[in-house]
Amino acid sequence: MSALQAVILAGGSGTRLWPMSRQQMPKQFLCLDGELSLLEATVARLDPLIPRDHVLIVTSEESAKGEAFLPLAPYQKLLEPAPRNTAPAIALAATHYLAKGEDPILVILPADHVIRDVPAFHACLRSAIDAAQEGKLVTFGITPTGPETGFGYIKAGAMGDKLPKVERFKEKPDAATADGFLKEGGWYWNSGMFVWKASAIMKAVEAALPELARVMSELRTAAKQGGDWQKAVREHFPKSPSISRRFSAHWTPSNITNALA
């Protein structure tokens, strides 16, 4: 069984919640749903599957050196010198582990989810981890409750060995298209949660996002030669293209499965 690592994406600025969410203290560090911050709640709901010392936070240098310094202090961190969105953050985490000679299963989680049914989440997570162990790329779909235009959509296809395969992705449709998806059935909101091996996602990045793969290769080489990981990140990471969670639409669906929630 490959080692498990949680990678929590906490680099967003939360501009839609300003002024409550500030540049140095964005929404993921605020208590918006209970006594825990969104980040702490994300870590807590992994228990007991993934312990805290197997959690890696990808966040901005500005947050880590500002008001969020103390909330981030207990965790391993990768610090982004510039915002480049979801795909580069994930590639950075995968490159970080591969550069150390490790190839863990990465549980990728945004820091801003609210999940009420934790046992159901754990069941989906276990299924996703099993599939990732076999080299699959797993994305989590959420059963839609209405024709929401603010989410990307995943169309579930034929059943694979354990989970349904992904037939296609559709990024943020208009209202009429979203309503059609609900009537058709088999469409799910793209949650932005993923599970895969570090090597598997980098293989997909090399095939679908060669420019990003090139930057990660240069970063890895610079870190090895100079012996300073963060210096290499500061120098090379800003060269990454900015690619949001819709980067999943670049993948070839044949190797992608869908853990439905």
Protein backbone atom coordinates (compact mmCIF):
# COMPACT_ATOMS: atom_id res chain seq x y z
CA MET A 1 0.00 0.00 0.00
CA SER A 2 1.42 3.39 -0.98
CA ALA A 3 1.79 6.03 1.72
CA LEU A 4 -1.06 8.50 2.06
CA GLN A 5 -0.57 12.25 2.06
CA ALA A 6 -3.25 14.92 2.18
CA VAL A 7 -2.54 18.04 0.14
CA ILE A 8 -4.77 20.92 1.17
CA LEU A 9 -5.01 23.83 -1.24
CA ALA A 10 -5.19 26.99 0.86
CA GLY A 11 -3.77 29.63 -1.45
CA GLY A 12 -6.94 31.46 -2.42
CA SER A 13 -7.56 35.07 -1.46
CA GLY A 14 -11.31 34.71 -0.83
CA THR A 15 -12.11 37.99 -2.56
CA ARG A 16 -15.85 37.29 -2.64
CA LEU A 17 -15.90 37.47 1.17
CA TRP A 18 -13.95 40.68 1.57
CA PRO A 19 -13.66 42.60 3.86
CA MET A 20 -14.15 39.65 6.23
CA SER A 21 -11.65 37.67 4.15
CA ARG A 22 -8.47 39.74 3.96
CA GLN A 23 -5.33 39.39 1.86
CA GLN A 24 -3.22 38.07 4.72
CA MET A 25 -6.09 36.25 6.43
CA PRO A 26 -8.31 34.80 3.67
CA LYS A 27 -11.45 32.73 4.20
CA GLN A 28 -9.74 29.35 4.72
CA PHE A 29 -8.30 30.63 8.02
CA LEU A 30 -11.64 31.99 9.29
CA CYS A 31 -14.30 30.26 11.40
CA LEU A 32 -17.31 30.50 9.09
CA ASP A 33 -19.10 27.25 10.04
CA GLY A 34 -18.62 26.35 13.68
CA GLU A 35 -15.67 26.73 16.04
CA LEU A 36 -12.98 25.49 13.63
CA SER A 37 -11.55 27.45 10.74
CA LEU A 38 -12.29 26.02 7.30
CA LEU A 39 -8.69 24.78 7.13
CA GLU A 40 -8.82 23.11 10.55
CA ALA A 41 -12.16 21.51 9.70
CA THR A 42 -10.67 20.11 6.49
CA VAL A 43 -7.81 18.56 8.47
CA ALA A 44 -10.10 17.28 11.23
CA ARG A 45 -12.45 15.42 8.89
CA LEU A 46 -9.54 13.34 7.58
CA ASP A 47 -9.14 11.72 11.00
CA PRO A 48 -8.45 8.79 11.42
CA LEU A 49 -7.62 8.03 7.76
CA ILE A 50 -4.80 10.57 7.42
CA PRO A 51 -2.97 11.90 10.50
CA ARG A 52 -1.98 15.55 10.84
CA ASP A 53 1.70 14.82 10.26
CA HIS A 54 0.75 13.55 6.78
CA VAL A 55 -0.92 16.83 5.84
CA LEU A 56 0.78 19.27 3.47
CA ILE A 57 -0.64 22.78 3.07
CA VAL A 58 -0.07 24.60 -0.21
CA THR A 59 -0.55 28.28 0.49
CA SER A 60 0.85 31.69 -0.39
CA GLU A 61 4.03 33.13 1.03
CA GLU A 62 2.05 36.22 1.96
CA SER A 63 -0.42 34.25 4.10
CA ALA A 64 2.31 32.19 5.76
CA LYS A 65 4.24 35.31 6.74
CA GLY A 66 1.18 37.34 7.75
CA GLU A 67 -1.77 36.86 10.09
CA ALA A 68 -2.10 33.18 9.12
CA PHE A 69 1.40 32.36 10.43
CA LEU A 70 0.15 30.74 13.65
CA PRO A 71 -2.69 28.68 12.10
CA LEU A 72 -0.19 27.30 9.57
CA ALA A 73 2.62 26.67 12.07
CA PRO A 74 1.73 23.02 12.93
CA TYR A 75 1.81 21.82 9.31
CA GLN A 76 4.20 20.98 6.53
CA LYS A 77 3.90 23.73 3.94
CA LEU A 78 4.67 24.59 0.34
CA LEU A 79 4.68 28.34 -0.19
CA GLU A 80 3.64 29.84 -3.51
CA PRO A 81 5.37 33.13 -4.36
CA ALA A 82 2.60 34.01 -6.82
CA PRO A 83 -0.96 32.73 -7.35
CA ARG A 84 -1.20 30.29 -10.24
CA ASN A 85 -4.42 28.42 -9.42
CA THR A 86 -5.19 24.73 -8.92
CA ALA A 87 -3.17 22.74 -11.46
CA PRO A 88 0.23 24.32 -10.67
CA ALA A 89 -0.40 23.95 -6.92
CA ILE A 90 -1.12 20.23 -7.37
CA ALA A 91 1.85 19.76 -9.69
CA LEU A 92 4.09 21.52 -7.16
CA ALA A 93 3.01 19.14 -4.39
CA ALA A 94 3.49 16.06 -6.59
CA THR A 95 6.93 17.31 -7.71
CA HIS A 96 7.86 17.94 -4.08
CA TYR A 97 7.29 14.29 -3.14
CA LEU A 98 8.78 12.80 -6.31
CA ALA A 99 11.92 14.90 -5.83
CA LYS A 100 12.36 13.20 -2.45
CA GLY A 101 12.08 9.76 -4.06
CA GLU A 102 8.55 9.22 -2.73
CA ASP A 103 5.38 8.36 -4.66
CA PRO A 104 2.50 8.65 -2.20
CA ILE A 105 -1.21 8.64 -2.91
CA LEU A 106 -2.22 12.28 -2.72
CA VAL A 107 -5.64 13.24 -1.38
CA ILE A 108 -6.17 16.72 -2.85
CA LEU A 109 -8.64 18.87 -0.94
CA PRO A 110 -9.54 22.55 -1.22
CA ALA A 111 -9.63 24.19 2.22
CA ASP A 112 -13.07 25.72 1.79
CA HIS A 113 -15.52 22.80 1.77
CA VAL A 114 -18.29 22.17 4.29
CA ILE A 115 -19.07 18.43 4.51
CA ARG A 116 -21.80 17.38 6.95
CA ASP A 117 -21.81 13.60 6.44
CA VAL A 118 -18.24 12.67 7.39
CA PRO A 119 -18.82 8.86 7.43
CA ALA A 120 -20.10 9.05 3.83
CA PHE A 121 -17.08 11.17 2.90
CA HIS A 122 -14.76 8.57 4.44
CA ALA A 123 -16.47 5.78 2.50
CA CYS A 124 -15.95 7.67 -0.77
CA LEU A 125 -12.38 8.43 0.21
CA ARG A 126 -11.58 4.77 0.89
CA SER A 127 -12.96 3.77 -2.51
CA ALA A 128 -10.94 6.53 -4.17
CA ILE A 129 -7.74 5.47 -2.40
CA ASP A 130 -8.21 1.86 -3.54
CA ALA A 131 -8.61 3.01 -7.15
CA ALA A 132 -5.64 5.38 -6.92
CA GLN A 133 -3.50 2.52 -5.68
CA GLU A 134 -4.08 0.94 -9.10
CA GLY A 135 -2.89 4.06 -10.90
CA LYS A 136 -6.29 5.67 -11.50
CA LEU A 137 -7.02 9.38 -11.35
CA VAL A 138 -10.07 9.86 -9.15
CA THR A 139 -12.28 12.93 -9.00
CA PHE A 140 -15.18 13.47 -6.60
CA GLY A 141 -18.58 14.37 -8.00
CA ILE A 142 -21.35 15.93 -5.91
CA THR A 143 -24.99 15.14 -6.62
CA PRO A 144 -26.46 18.47 -7.81
CA THR A 145 -29.42 19.95 -5.99
CA GLY A 146 -30.27 22.43 -8.75
CA PRO A 147 -29.12 23.86 -12.09
CA GLU A 148 -26.13 25.67 -10.61
CA THR A 149 -24.03 27.62 -13.12
CA GLY A 150 -21.16 28.32 -10.73
CA PHE A 151 -19.77 24.77 -10.83
CA GLY A 152 -18.15 22.64 -13.46
CA TYR A 153 -19.93 19.35 -14.20
CA ILE A 154 -18.78 15.73 -14.55
CA LYS A 155 -20.70 13.20 -16.63
CA ALA A 156 -20.48 9.73 -15.14
CA GLY A 157 -20.06 7.01 -17.75
CA ALA A 158 -19.86 3.23 -17.66
CA MET A 159 -18.97 1.45 -14.44
CA GLY A 160 -15.30 0.51 -14.12
CA ASP A 161 -13.89 -2.13 -11.81
CA LYS A 162 -14.93 -0.23 -8.69
CA LEU A 163 -16.08 3.25 -9.66
CA PRO A 164 -17.84 4.79 -12.65
CA LYS A 165 -15.58 6.19 -15.33
CA VAL A 166 -15.72 9.83 -16.29
CA GLU A 167 -17.31 10.31 -19.71
CA ARG A 168 -16.75 14.05 -20.04
CA PHE A 169 -16.32 17.35 -18.23
CA LYS A 170 -18.24 20.56 -18.78
CA GLU A 171 -17.01 23.80 -17.25
CA LYS A 172 -19.63 26.15 -15.76
CA PRO A 173 -22.57 25.81 -18.17
CA ASP A 174 -25.28 28.38 -18.72
CA ALA A 175 -28.60 27.95 -16.88
CA ALA A 176 -30.36 26.13 -19.74
CA THR A 177 -27.52 23.64 -20.16
CA ALA A 178 -27.30 23.03 -16.40
CA ASP A 179 -31.05 22.41 -16.27
CA GLY A 180 -30.66 19.94 -19.14
CA PHE A 181 -27.95 18.10 -17.20
CA LEU A 182 -30.29 17.62 -14.25
CA LYS A 183 -33.08 16.31 -16.47
CA GLU A 184 -30.68 13.98 -18.29
CA GLY A 185 -29.19 12.59 -15.07
CA GLY A 186 -25.72 11.18 -14.54
CA TRP A 187 -24.15 14.64 -14.18
CA TYR A 188 -22.39 15.74 -11.01
CA TRP A 189 -20.83 18.94 -9.73
CA ASN A 190 -17.05 18.93 -9.95
CA SER A 191 -15.97 19.28 -6.31
CA GLY A 192 -12.30 19.97 -6.94
CA MET A 193 -11.38 17.01 -4.71
CA PHE A 194 -9.04 14.43 -6.25
CA VAL A 195 -7.10 11.29 -5.28
CA TRP A 196 -4.14 9.87 -7.21
CA LYS A 197 -0.50 8.85 -7.00
CA ALA A 198 2.03 11.64 -7.39
CA SER A 199 3.55 9.86 -10.39
CA ALA A 200 0.15 9.32 -12.02
CA ILE A 201 -0.85 12.98 -11.93
CA MET A 202 2.55 14.13 -13.21
CA LYS A 203 2.26 11.68 -16.10
CA ALA A 204 -1.12 13.27 -16.92
CA VAL A 205 0.36 16.77 -16.58
CA GLU A 206 3.17 15.87 -18.99
CA ALA A 207 0.62 14.64 -21.54
CA ALA A 208 -1.99 17.38 -21.18
CA LEU A 209 -0.12 20.41 -19.83
CA PRO A 210 3.43 20.23 -21.22
CA GLU A 211 4.25 23.86 -20.36
CA LEU A 212 3.46 23.23 -16.70
CA ALA A 213 5.43 19.97 -16.77
CA ARG A 214 8.44 21.83 -18.16
CA VAL A 215 8.34 24.40 -15.35
CA MET A 216 8.12 21.64 -12.72
CA SER A 217 11.10 19.87 -14.30
CA GLU A 218 13.15 23.06 -14.25
CA LEU A 219 12.12 23.72 -10.64
CA ARG A 220 13.10 20.20 -9.58
CA THR A 221 16.49 20.46 -11.30
CA ALA A 222 17.20 23.86 -9.75
CA ALA A 223 16.28 22.61 -6.28
CA LYS A 224 18.56 19.59 -6.66
CA GLN A 225 21.50 21.65 -7.89
CA GLY A 226 21.13 24.49 -5.42
CA GLY A 227 19.91 22.53 -2.43
CA ASP A 228 17.27 25.14 -1.60
CA TRP A 229 13.72 24.06 -2.44
CA GLN A 230 11.97 27.32 -1.57
CA LYS A 231 14.48 29.38 -3.53
CA ALA A 232 13.83 27.19 -6.58
CA VAL A 233 10.06 27.56 -6.06
CA ARG A 234 10.39 31.34 -5.81
CA GLU A 235 12.40 31.46 -9.01
CA HIS A 236 10.50 29.01 -11.20
CA PHE A 237 6.92 28.63 -9.93
CA PRO A 238 5.75 32.05 -11.23
CA LYS A 239 6.58 30.82 -14.75
CA SER A 240 3.70 28.31 -14.47
CA PRO A 241 0.56 28.97 -16.51
CA SER A 242 -2.46 29.83 -14.37
CA ILE A 243 -4.86 26.87 -14.67
CA SER A 244 -7.88 26.46 -12.40
CA ARG A 245 -9.75 23.31 -11.36
CA ARG A 246 -11.16 23.04 -14.87
CA PHE A 247 -7.73 21.65 -15.80
CA SER A 248 -9.45 18.25 -15.40
CA ALA A 249 -11.09 18.92 -18.76
CA HIS A 250 -7.65 18.44 -20.35
CA TRP A 251 -7.43 14.80 -19.24
CA THR A 252 -8.18 11.71 -21.26
CA PRO A 253 -11.26 10.23 -19.55
CA SER A 254 -10.20 6.58 -20.01
CA ASN A 255 -8.07 6.61 -16.85
CA ILE A 256 -10.34 8.79 -14.71
CA THR A 257 -12.88 7.40 -12.29
CA ASN A 258 -15.49 9.23 -10.26
CA ALA A 259 -16.12 8.76 -6.53
CA LEU A 260 -19.70 9.97 -6.30
CA ALA A 261 -20.79 11.76 -3.15
